[in-house]
PDB file of N, CA and C in Angstrom:
ATOM      1  N   MET A   1      -1.818   7.473  -5.344  1.00  0.00           N
ATOM      2  CA  MET A   1      -1.429   8.835  -5.149  1.00  0.00           C
ATOM      3  C   MET A   1      -0.723   9.331  -6.394  1.00  0.00           C
ATOM      4  N   ASN A   2      -1.407   9.504  -7.463  1.00  0.00           N
ATOM      5  CA  ASN A   2      -0.802   9.977  -8.689  1.00  0.00           C
ATOM      6  C   ASN A   2      -0.892  11.490  -8.753  1.00  0.00           C
ATOM      7  N   LEU A   3       0.160  12.147  -8.260  1.00  0.00           N
ATOM      8  CA  LEU A   3       0.219  13.592  -8.333  1.00  0.00           C
ATOM      9  C   LEU A   3       0.619  13.976  -9.743  1.00  0.00           C
ATOM     10  N   PRO A   4       0.080  15.067 -10.238  1.00  0.00           N
ATOM     11  CA  PRO A   4       0.510  15.511 -11.566  1.00  0.00           C
ATOM     12  C   PRO A   4       2.018  15.745 -11.569  1.00  0.00           C
ATOM     13  N   PRO A   5       2.685  15.397 -12.661  1.00  0.00           N
ATOM     14  CA  PRO A   5       4.145  15.520 -12.687  1.00  0.00           C
ATOM     15  C   PRO A   5       4.647  16.949 -12.565  1.00  0.00           C
ATOM     16  N   ASP A   6       3.771  17.951 -12.773  1.00  0.00           N
ATOM     17  CA  ASP A   6       4.228  19.331 -12.711  1.00  0.00           C
ATOM     18  C   ASP A   6       4.253  19.898 -11.292  1.00  0.00           C
ATOM     19  N   ILE A   7       3.916  19.099 -10.290  1.00  0.00           N
ATOM     20  CA  ILE A   7       4.000  19.558  -8.899  1.00  0.00           C
ATOM     21  C   ILE A   7       5.408  19.253  -8.389  1.00  0.00           C
ATOM     22  N   PRO A   8       6.186  20.285  -8.120  1.00  0.00           N
ATOM     23  CA  PRO A   8       7.545  20.025  -7.639  1.00  0.00           C
ATOM     24  C   PRO A   8       7.530  19.384  -6.251  1.00  0.00           C
ATOM     25  N   PRO A   9       8.526  18.557  -5.962  1.00  0.00           N
ATOM     26  CA  PRO A   9       8.563  17.855  -4.672  1.00  0.00           C
ATOM     27  C   PRO A   9       8.434  18.781  -3.470  1.00  0.00           C
ATOM     28  N   GLU A  10       8.969  19.991  -3.560  1.00  0.00           N
ATOM     29  CA  GLU A  10       8.891  20.895  -2.408  1.00  0.00           C
ATOM     30  C   GLU A  10       7.467  21.369  -2.135  1.00  0.00           C
ATOM     31  N   GLN A  11       6.542  21.167  -3.087  1.00  0.00           N
ATOM     32  CA  GLN A  11       5.145  21.534  -2.874  1.00  0.00           C
ATOM     33  C   GLN A  11       4.296  20.337  -2.448  1.00  0.00           C
ATOM     34  N   SER A  12       4.916  19.193  -2.300  1.00  0.00           N
ATOM     35  CA  SER A  12       4.196  18.008  -1.860  1.00  0.00           C
ATOM     36  C   SER A  12       3.691  18.213  -0.437  1.00  0.00           C
ATOM     37  N   LEU A  13       2.526  17.640  -0.135  1.00  0.00           N
ATOM     38  CA  LEU A  13       1.980  17.741   1.215  1.00  0.00           C
ATOM     39  C   LEU A  13       2.586  16.703   2.144  1.00  0.00           C
ATOM     40  N   ILE A  14       3.373  15.805   1.603  1.00  0.00           N
ATOM     41  CA  ILE A  14       3.996  14.740   2.388  1.00  0.00           C
ATOM     42  C   ILE A  14       5.462  15.087   2.605  1.00  0.00           C
ATOM     43  N   GLU A  15       5.897  14.967   3.849  1.00  0.00           N
ATOM     44  CA  GLU A  15       7.314  15.136   4.135  1.00  0.00           C
ATOM     45  C   GLU A  15       7.967  13.764   4.119  1.00  0.00           C
ATOM     46  N   TYR A  16       9.127  13.668   3.505  1.00  0.00           N
ATOM     47  CA  TYR A  16       9.828  12.382   3.409  1.00  0.00           C
ATOM     48  C   TYR A  16      11.073  12.424   4.272  1.00  0.00           C
ATOM     49  N   PRO A  17      11.445  11.327   4.891  1.00  0.00           N
ATOM     50  CA  PRO A  17      10.671  10.080   4.993  1.00  0.00           C
ATOM     51  C   PRO A  17       9.540  10.220   6.007  1.00  0.00           C
ATOM     52  N   SER A  18       8.494   9.430   5.819  1.00  0.00           N
ATOM     53  CA  SER A  18       7.390   9.418   6.774  1.00  0.00           C
ATOM     54  C   SER A  18       6.672   8.078   6.732  1.00  0.00           C
ATOM     55  N   GLN A  19       5.938   7.810   7.805  1.00  0.00           N
ATOM     56  CA  GLN A  19       5.120   6.599   7.855  1.00  0.00           C
ATOM     57  C   GLN A  19       3.846   6.884   7.069  1.00  0.00           C
ATOM     58  N   PHE A  20       3.544   6.057   6.074  1.00  0.00           N
ATOM     59  CA  PHE A  20       2.436   6.334   5.165  1.00  0.00           C
ATOM     60  C   PHE A  20       1.504   5.131   5.091  1.00  0.00           C
ATOM     61  N   PRO A  21       0.267   5.284   5.582  1.00  0.00           N
ATOM     62  CA  PRO A  21      -0.683   4.165   5.537  1.00  0.00           C
ATOM     63  C   PRO A  21      -1.350   4.040   4.164  1.00  0.00           C
ATOM     64  N   ILE A  22      -1.521   2.815   3.720  1.00  0.00           N
ATOM     65  CA  ILE A  22      -2.195   2.524   2.452  1.00  0.00           C
ATOM     66  C   ILE A  22      -3.226   1.442   2.719  1.00  0.00           C
ATOM     67  N   LYS A  23      -4.444   1.652   2.256  1.00  0.00           N
ATOM     68  CA  LYS A  23      -5.498   0.654   2.414  1.00  0.00           C
ATOM     69  C   LYS A  23      -5.591  -0.176   1.144  1.00  0.00           C
ATOM     70  N   VAL A  24      -5.637  -1.494   1.332  1.00  0.00           N
ATOM     71  CA  VAL A  24      -5.684  -2.432   0.212  1.00  0.00           C
ATOM     72  C   VAL A  24      -6.831  -3.404   0.470  1.00  0.00           C
ATOM     73  N   MET A  25      -7.685  -3.597  -0.528  1.00  0.00           N
ATOM     74  CA  MET A  25      -8.787  -4.537  -0.366  1.00  0.00           C
ATOM     75  C   MET A  25      -8.703  -5.613  -1.443  1.00  0.00           C
ATOM     76  N   GLY A  26      -8.987  -6.842  -1.012  1.00  0.00           N
ATOM     77  CA  GLY A  26      -8.981  -7.959  -1.946  1.00  0.00           C
ATOM     78  C   GLY A  26      -9.850  -9.078  -1.411  1.00  0.00           C
ATOM     79  N   ALA A  27      -9.953 -10.143  -2.191  1.00  0.00           N
ATOM     80  CA  ALA A  27     -10.726 -11.301  -1.762  1.00  0.00           C
ATOM     81  C   ALA A  27     -10.091 -11.896  -0.507  1.00  0.00           C
ATOM     82  N   HIS A  28     -10.930 -12.381   0.395  1.00  0.00           N
ATOM     83  CA  HIS A  28     -10.453 -12.977   1.643  1.00  0.00           C
ATOM     84  C   HIS A  28     -10.025 -14.412   1.346  1.00  0.00           C
ATOM     85  N   VAL A  29      -8.810 -14.550   0.811  1.00  0.00           N
ATOM     86  CA  VAL A  29      -8.296 -15.855   0.410  1.00  0.00           C
ATOM     87  C   VAL A  29      -6.924 -16.091   1.031  1.00  0.00           C
ATOM     88  N   GLU A  30      -6.569 -17.346   1.102  1.00  0.00           N
ATOM     89  CA  GLU A  30      -5.256 -17.757   1.613  1.00  0.00           C
ATOM     90  C   GLU A  30      -4.163 -17.091   0.782  1.00  0.00           C
ATOM     91  N   GLY A  31      -3.188 -16.498   1.453  1.00  0.00           N
ATOM     92  CA  GLY A  31      -2.045 -15.917   0.767  1.00  0.00           C
ATOM     93  C   GLY A  31      -2.160 -14.434   0.455  1.00  0.00           C
ATOM     94  N   PHE A  32      -3.349 -13.842   0.633  1.00  0.00           N
ATOM     95  CA  PHE A  32      -3.522 -12.423   0.303  1.00  0.00           C
ATOM     96  C   PHE A  32      -2.625 -11.542   1.174  1.00  0.00           C
ATOM     97  N   VAL A  33      -2.648 -11.757   2.474  1.00  0.00           N
ATOM     98  CA  VAL A  33      -1.847 -10.935   3.390  1.00  0.00           C
ATOM     99  C   VAL A  33      -0.356 -11.088   3.069  1.00  0.00           C
ATOM    100  N   ASP A  34       0.080 -12.317   2.853  1.00  0.00           N
ATOM    101  CA  ASP A  34       1.496 -12.552   2.530  1.00  0.00           C
ATOM    102  C   ASP A  34       1.891 -11.881   1.218  1.00  0.00           C
ATOM    103  N   ALA A  35       0.998 -11.922   0.228  1.00  0.00           N
ATOM    104  CA  ALA A  35       1.293 -11.304  -1.069  1.00  0.00           C
ATOM    105  C   ALA A  35       1.460  -9.796  -0.931  1.00  0.00           C
ATOM    106  N   ILE A  36       0.589  -9.168  -0.139  1.00  0.00           N
ATOM    107  CA  ILE A  36       0.674  -7.720   0.044  1.00  0.00           C
ATOM    108  C   ILE A  36       1.917  -7.362   0.853  1.00  0.00           C
ATOM    109  N   ALA A  37       2.242  -8.158   1.852  1.00  0.00           N
ATOM    110  CA  ALA A  37       3.467  -7.922   2.630  1.00  0.00           C
ATOM    111  C   ALA A  37       4.692  -8.020   1.723  1.00  0.00           C
ATOM    112  N   HIS A  38       4.680  -8.970   0.802  1.00  0.00           N
ATOM    113  CA  HIS A  38       5.795  -9.145  -0.137  1.00  0.00           C
ATOM    114  C   HIS A  38       5.963  -7.887  -1.006  1.00  0.00           C
ATOM    115  N   VAL A  39       4.858  -7.356  -1.512  1.00  0.00           N
ATOM    116  CA  VAL A  39       4.912  -6.132  -2.322  1.00  0.00           C
ATOM    117  C   VAL A  39       5.434  -4.975  -1.468  1.00  0.00           C
ATOM    118  N   ALA A  40       4.923  -4.834  -0.247  1.00  0.00           N
ATOM    119  CA  ALA A  40       5.352  -3.736   0.627  1.00  0.00           C
ATOM    120  C   ALA A  40       6.861  -3.797   0.876  1.00  0.00           C
ATOM    121  N   ARG A  41       7.400  -5.000   1.091  1.00  0.00           N
ATOM    122  CA  ARG A  41       8.838  -5.150   1.353  1.00  0.00           C
ATOM    123  C   ARG A  41       9.691  -4.793   0.130  1.00  0.00           C
ATOM    124  N   GLN A  42       9.112  -4.907  -1.075  1.00  0.00           N
ATOM    125  CA  GLN A  42       9.863  -4.511  -2.276  1.00  0.00           C
ATOM    126  C   GLN A  42      10.150  -3.010  -2.263  1.00  0.00           C
ATOM    127  N   PHE A  43       9.263  -2.238  -1.639  1.00  0.00           N
ATOM    128  CA  PHE A  43       9.393  -0.784  -1.622  1.00  0.00           C
ATOM    129  C   PHE A  43       9.897  -0.249  -0.290  1.00  0.00           C
ATOM    130  N   ASP A  44       9.772  -1.053   0.750  1.00  0.00           N
ATOM    131  CA  ASP A  44      10.234  -0.688   2.095  1.00  0.00           C
ATOM    132  C   ASP A  44      10.826  -1.946   2.713  1.00  0.00           C
ATOM    133  N   PRO A  45      12.138  -2.162   2.511  1.00  0.00           N
ATOM    134  CA  PRO A  45      12.773  -3.400   2.996  1.00  0.00           C
ATOM    135  C   PRO A  45      12.605  -3.643   4.496  1.00  0.00           C
ATOM    136  N   ALA A  46      12.369  -2.587   5.268  1.00  0.00           N
ATOM    137  CA  ALA A  46      12.192  -2.731   6.715  1.00  0.00           C
ATOM    138  C   ALA A  46      10.728  -2.964   7.096  1.00  0.00           C
ATOM    139  N   PHE A  47       9.839  -3.113   6.106  1.00  0.00           N
ATOM    140  CA  PHE A  47       8.412  -3.300   6.392  1.00  0.00           C
ATOM    141  C   PHE A  47       8.206  -4.515   7.286  1.00  0.00           C
ATOM    142  N   ASP A  48       7.400  -4.341   8.324  1.00  0.00           N
ATOM    143  CA  ASP A  48       7.120  -5.403   9.289  1.00  0.00           C
ATOM    144  C   ASP A  48       5.686  -5.892   9.068  1.00  0.00           C
ATOM    145  N   ALA A  49       5.549  -7.115   8.562  1.00  0.00           N
ATOM    146  CA  ALA A  49       4.224  -7.665   8.245  1.00  0.00           C
ATOM    147  C   ALA A  49       3.328  -7.777   9.476  1.00  0.00           C
ATOM    148  N   SER A  50       3.918  -7.809  10.660  1.00  0.00           N
ATOM    149  CA  SER A  50       3.092  -7.919  11.875  1.00  0.00           C
ATOM    150  C   SER A  50       2.316  -6.626  12.146  1.00  0.00           C
ATOM    151  N   THR A  51       2.642  -5.543  11.433  1.00  0.00           N
ATOM    152  CA  THR A  51       1.943  -4.278  11.628  1.00  0.00           C
ATOM    153  C   THR A  51       0.715  -4.153  10.721  1.00  0.00           C
ATOM    154  N   ILE A  52       0.465  -5.124   9.861  1.00  0.00           N
ATOM    155  CA  ILE A  52      -0.682  -5.058   8.947  1.00  0.00           C
ATOM    156  C   ILE A  52      -1.981  -5.150   9.747  1.00  0.00           C
ATOM    157  N   GLU A  53      -2.846  -4.171   9.529  1.00  0.00           N
ATOM    158  CA  GLU A  53      -4.171  -4.203  10.160  1.00  0.00           C
ATOM    159  C   GLU A  53      -5.128  -4.891   9.199  1.00  0.00           C
ATOM    160  N   GLN A  54      -5.929  -5.832   9.737  1.00  0.00           N
ATOM    161  CA  GLN A  54      -6.859  -6.594   8.903  1.00  0.00           C
ATOM    162  C   GLN A  54      -8.300  -6.338   9.334  1.00  0.00           C
ATOM    163  N   ARG A  55      -9.173  -6.142   8.342  1.00  0.00           N
ATOM    164  CA  ARG A  55     -10.602  -5.965   8.607  1.00  0.00           C
ATOM    165  C   ARG A  55     -11.396  -6.759   7.576  1.00  0.00           C
ATOM    166  N   PRO A  56     -11.982  -7.881   8.000  1.00  0.00           N
ATOM    167  CA  PRO A  56     -12.811  -8.637   7.064  1.00  0.00           C
ATOM    168  C   PRO A  56     -14.109  -7.886   6.765  1.00  0.00           C
ATOM    169  N   SER A  57     -14.646  -8.076   5.558  1.00  0.00           N
ATOM    170  CA  SER A  57     -15.928  -7.465   5.211  1.00  0.00           C
ATOM    171  C   SER A  57     -17.032  -8.138   6.012  1.00  0.00           C
ATOM    172  N   LYS A  58     -18.186  -7.506   6.033  1.00  0.00           N
ATOM    173  CA  LYS A  58     -19.308  -8.034   6.801  1.00  0.00           C
ATOM    174  C   LYS A  58     -19.646  -9.460   6.399  1.00  0.00           C
ATOM    175  N   GLY A  59     -19.635  -9.722   5.105  1.00  0.00           N
ATOM    176  CA  GLY A  59     -19.949 -11.066   4.617  1.00  0.00           C
ATOM    177  C   GLY A  59     -18.765 -12.020   4.653  1.00  0.00           C
ATOM    178  N   GLY A  60     -17.580 -11.487   4.933  1.00  0.00           N
ATOM    179  CA  GLY A  60     -16.393 -12.330   5.025  1.00  0.00           C
ATOM    180  C   GLY A  60     -15.754 -12.669   3.692  1.00  0.00           C
ATOM    181  N   ASN A  61     -16.284 -12.123   2.592  1.00  0.00           N
ATOM    182  CA  ASN A  61     -15.728 -12.441   1.274  1.00  0.00           C
ATOM    183  C   ASN A  61     -14.492 -11.617   0.931  1.00  0.00           C
ATOM    184  N   TYR A  62     -14.374 -10.453   1.556  1.00  0.00           N
ATOM    185  CA  TYR A  62     -13.259  -9.553   1.272  1.00  0.00           C
ATOM    186  C   TYR A  62     -12.492  -9.246   2.545  1.00  0.00           C
ATOM    187  N   LEU A  63     -11.232  -8.842   2.347  1.00  0.00           N
ATOM    188  CA  LEU A  63     -10.382  -8.490   3.472  1.00  0.00           C
ATOM    189  C   LEU A  63      -9.755  -7.144   3.182  1.00  0.00           C
ATOM    190  N   GLY A  64      -9.947  -6.203   4.085  1.00  0.00           N
ATOM    191  CA  GLY A  64      -9.312  -4.895   3.981  1.00  0.00           C
ATOM    192  C   GLY A  64      -8.043  -4.895   4.818  1.00  0.00           C
ATOM    193  N   LEU A  65      -6.966  -4.435   4.221  1.00  0.00           N
ATOM    194  CA  LEU A  65      -5.682  -4.368   4.918  1.00  0.00           C
ATOM    195  C   LEU A  65      -5.216  -2.919   4.960  1.00  0.00           C
ATOM    196  N   THR A  66      -4.581  -2.547   6.040  1.00  0.00           N
ATOM    197  CA  THR A  66      -3.876  -1.271   6.092  1.00  0.00           C
ATOM    198  C   THR A  66      -2.407  -1.599   6.301  1.00  0.00           C
ATOM    199  N   ILE A  67      -1.602  -1.214   5.315  1.00  0.00           N
ATOM    200  CA  ILE A  67      -0.157  -1.381   5.445  1.00  0.00           C
ATOM    201  C   ILE A  67       0.429   0.012   5.653  1.00  0.00           C
ATOM    202  N   THR A  68       1.418   0.111   6.511  1.00  0.00           N
ATOM    203  CA  THR A  68       2.075   1.394   6.746  1.00  0.00           C
ATOM    204  C   THR A  68       3.537   1.238   6.360  1.00  0.00           C
ATOM    205  N   VAL A  69       3.915   1.949   5.303  1.00  0.00           N
ATOM    206  CA  VAL A  69       5.281   1.858   4.790  1.00  0.00           C
ATOM    207  C   VAL A  69       6.033   3.136   5.123  1.00  0.00           C
ATOM    208  N   THR A  70       7.346   3.051   5.099  1.00  0.00           N
ATOM    209  CA  THR A  70       8.172   4.241   5.228  1.00  0.00           C
ATOM    210  C   THR A  70       8.321   4.829   3.835  1.00  0.00           C
ATOM    211  N   ALA A  71       7.640   5.951   3.613  1.00  0.00           N
ATOM    212  CA  ALA A  71       7.689   6.610   2.310  1.00  0.00           C
ATOM    213  C   ALA A  71       8.950   7.462   2.230  1.00  0.00           C
ATOM    214  N   THR A  72       9.711   7.254   1.170  1.00  0.00           N
ATOM    215  CA  THR A  72      10.952   8.006   0.997  1.00  0.00           C
ATOM    216  C   THR A  72      10.887   8.994  -0.156  1.00  0.00           C
ATOM    217  N   SER A  73       9.903   8.838  -1.053  1.00  0.00           N
ATOM    218  CA  SER A  73       9.763   9.770  -2.175  1.00  0.00           C
ATOM    219  C   SER A  73       8.395   9.591  -2.824  1.00  0.00           C
ATOM    220  N   ARG A  74       8.000  10.597  -3.582  1.00  0.00           N
ATOM    221  CA  ARG A  74       6.753  10.509  -4.329  1.00  0.00           C
ATOM    222  C   ARG A  74       6.843   9.391  -5.372  1.00  0.00           C
ATOM    223  N   GLU A  75       8.017   9.257  -5.986  1.00  0.00           N
ATOM    224  CA  GLU A  75       8.212   8.211  -6.989  1.00  0.00           C
ATOM    225  C   GLU A  75       8.016   6.823  -6.385  1.00  0.00           C
ATOM    226  N   GLN A  76       8.554   6.629  -5.175  1.00  0.00           N
ATOM    227  CA  GLN A  76       8.396   5.340  -4.498  1.00  0.00           C
ATOM    228  C   GLN A  76       6.918   5.049  -4.251  1.00  0.00           C
ATOM    229  N   LEU A  77       6.177   6.029  -3.754  1.00  0.00           N
ATOM    230  CA  LEU A  77       4.752   5.825  -3.480  1.00  0.00           C
ATOM    231  C   LEU A  77       3.970   5.585  -4.761  1.00  0.00           C
ATOM    232  N   ASP A  78       4.267   6.345  -5.812  1.00  0.00           N
ATOM    233  CA  ASP A  78       3.569   6.147  -7.092  1.00  0.00           C
ATOM    234  C   ASP A  78       3.791   4.730  -7.608  1.00  0.00           C
ATOM    235  N   GLU A  79       5.021   4.271  -7.524  1.00  0.00           N
ATOM    236  CA  GLU A  79       5.330   2.925  -8.028  1.00  0.00           C
ATOM    237  C   GLU A  79       4.691   1.856  -7.145  1.00  0.00           C
ATOM    238  N   LEU A  80       4.656   2.071  -5.843  1.00  0.00           N
ATOM    239  CA  LEU A  80       4.001   1.136  -4.931  1.00  0.00           C
ATOM    240  C   LEU A  80       2.509   1.048  -5.256  1.00  0.00           C
ATOM    241  N   TYR A  81       1.866   2.192  -5.455  1.00  0.00           N
ATOM    242  CA  TYR A  81       0.439   2.196  -5.821  1.00  0.00           C
ATOM    243  C   TYR A  81       0.221   1.465  -7.140  1.00  0.00           C
ATOM    244  N   ARG A  82       1.082   1.723  -8.121  1.00  0.00           N
ATOM    245  CA  ARG A  82       0.956   1.047  -9.428  1.00  0.00           C
ATOM    246  C   ARG A  82       1.080  -0.465  -9.262  1.00  0.00           C
ATOM    247  N   THR A  83       2.050  -0.883  -8.484  1.00  0.00           N
ATOM    248  CA  THR A  83       2.275  -2.314  -8.275  1.00  0.00           C
ATOM    249  C   THR A  83       1.089  -2.952  -7.569  1.00  0.00           C
ATOM    250  N   LEU A  84       0.568  -2.292  -6.542  1.00  0.00           N
ATOM    251  CA  LEU A  84      -0.581  -2.841  -5.820  1.00  0.00           C
ATOM    252  C   LEU A  84      -1.827  -2.892  -6.693  1.00  0.00           C
ATOM    253  N   THR A  85      -2.107  -1.821  -7.439  1.00  0.00           N
ATOM    254  CA  THR A  85      -3.339  -1.785  -8.232  1.00  0.00           C
ATOM    255  C   THR A  85      -3.314  -2.790  -9.379  1.00  0.00           C
ATOM    256  N   THR A  86      -2.142  -3.198  -9.815  1.00  0.00           N
ATOM    257  CA  THR A  86      -2.075  -4.174 -10.901  1.00  0.00           C
ATOM    258  C   THR A  86      -1.920  -5.611 -10.385  1.00  0.00           C
ATOM    259  N   HIS A  87      -1.816  -5.774  -9.075  1.00  0.00           N
ATOM    260  CA  HIS A  87      -1.673  -7.118  -8.501  1.00  0.00           C
ATOM    261  C   HIS A  87      -2.983  -7.887  -8.703  1.00  0.00           C
ATOM    262  N   PRO A  88      -2.918  -9.141  -9.150  1.00  0.00           N
ATOM    263  CA  PRO A  88      -4.146  -9.887  -9.447  1.00  0.00           C
ATOM    264  C   PRO A  88      -5.040 -10.156  -8.233  1.00  0.00           C
ATOM    265  N   MET A  89      -4.521 -10.092  -7.029  1.00  0.00           N
ATOM    266  CA  MET A  89      -5.334 -10.367  -5.834  1.00  0.00           C
ATOM    267  C   MET A  89      -6.004  -9.103  -5.285  1.00  0.00           C
ATOM    268  N   VAL A  90      -5.605  -7.935  -5.792  1.00  0.00           N
ATOM    269  CA  VAL A  90      -6.070  -6.658  -5.247  1.00  0.00           C
ATOM    270  C   VAL A  90      -7.278  -6.135  -6.026  1.00  0.00           C
ATOM    271  N   LYS A  91      -8.296  -5.707  -5.281  1.00  0.00           N
ATOM    272  CA  LYS A  91      -9.483  -5.103  -5.902  1.00  0.00           C
ATOM    273  C   LYS A  91      -9.417  -3.584  -5.853  1.00  0.00           C
ATOM    274  N   VAL A  92      -9.011  -3.012  -4.694  1.00  0.00           N
ATOM    275  CA  VAL A  92      -9.011  -1.563  -4.502  1.00  0.00           C
ATOM    276  C   VAL A  92      -7.794  -1.155  -3.678  1.00  0.00           C
ATOM    277  N   VAL A  93      -7.220   0.000  -4.026  1.00  0.00           N
ATOM    278  CA  VAL A  93      -6.130   0.578  -3.242  1.00  0.00           C
ATOM    279  C   VAL A  93      -6.495   2.035  -2.958  1.00  0.00           C
ATOM    280  N   LEU A  94      -6.419   2.415  -1.696  1.00  0.00           N
ATOM    281  CA  LEU A  94      -6.722   3.791  -1.290  1.00  0.00           C
ATOM    282  C   LEU A  94      -5.543   4.364  -0.524  1.00  0.00           C
TER     283      LEU A  94
END
């Protein structure tokens, strides 16, 4: 969610704080879910890993996760997206 920096916070379509779902896809390997939960907790200390929704790909090689974090600011979400997209286990973040 990289909004242009010239959009003032009051024009954001997201009200803070709010529950914000993020889809993360990566290889279906041991430790992927735990790694994503660890990243989520860095940005939302109250994040509950038991709320992660998991969807394996048809072939079973990939795992789609939906994490729902408590978004407190655009900066927090931007940094969370940056951290997830640069994580070595992550292929796609939506």
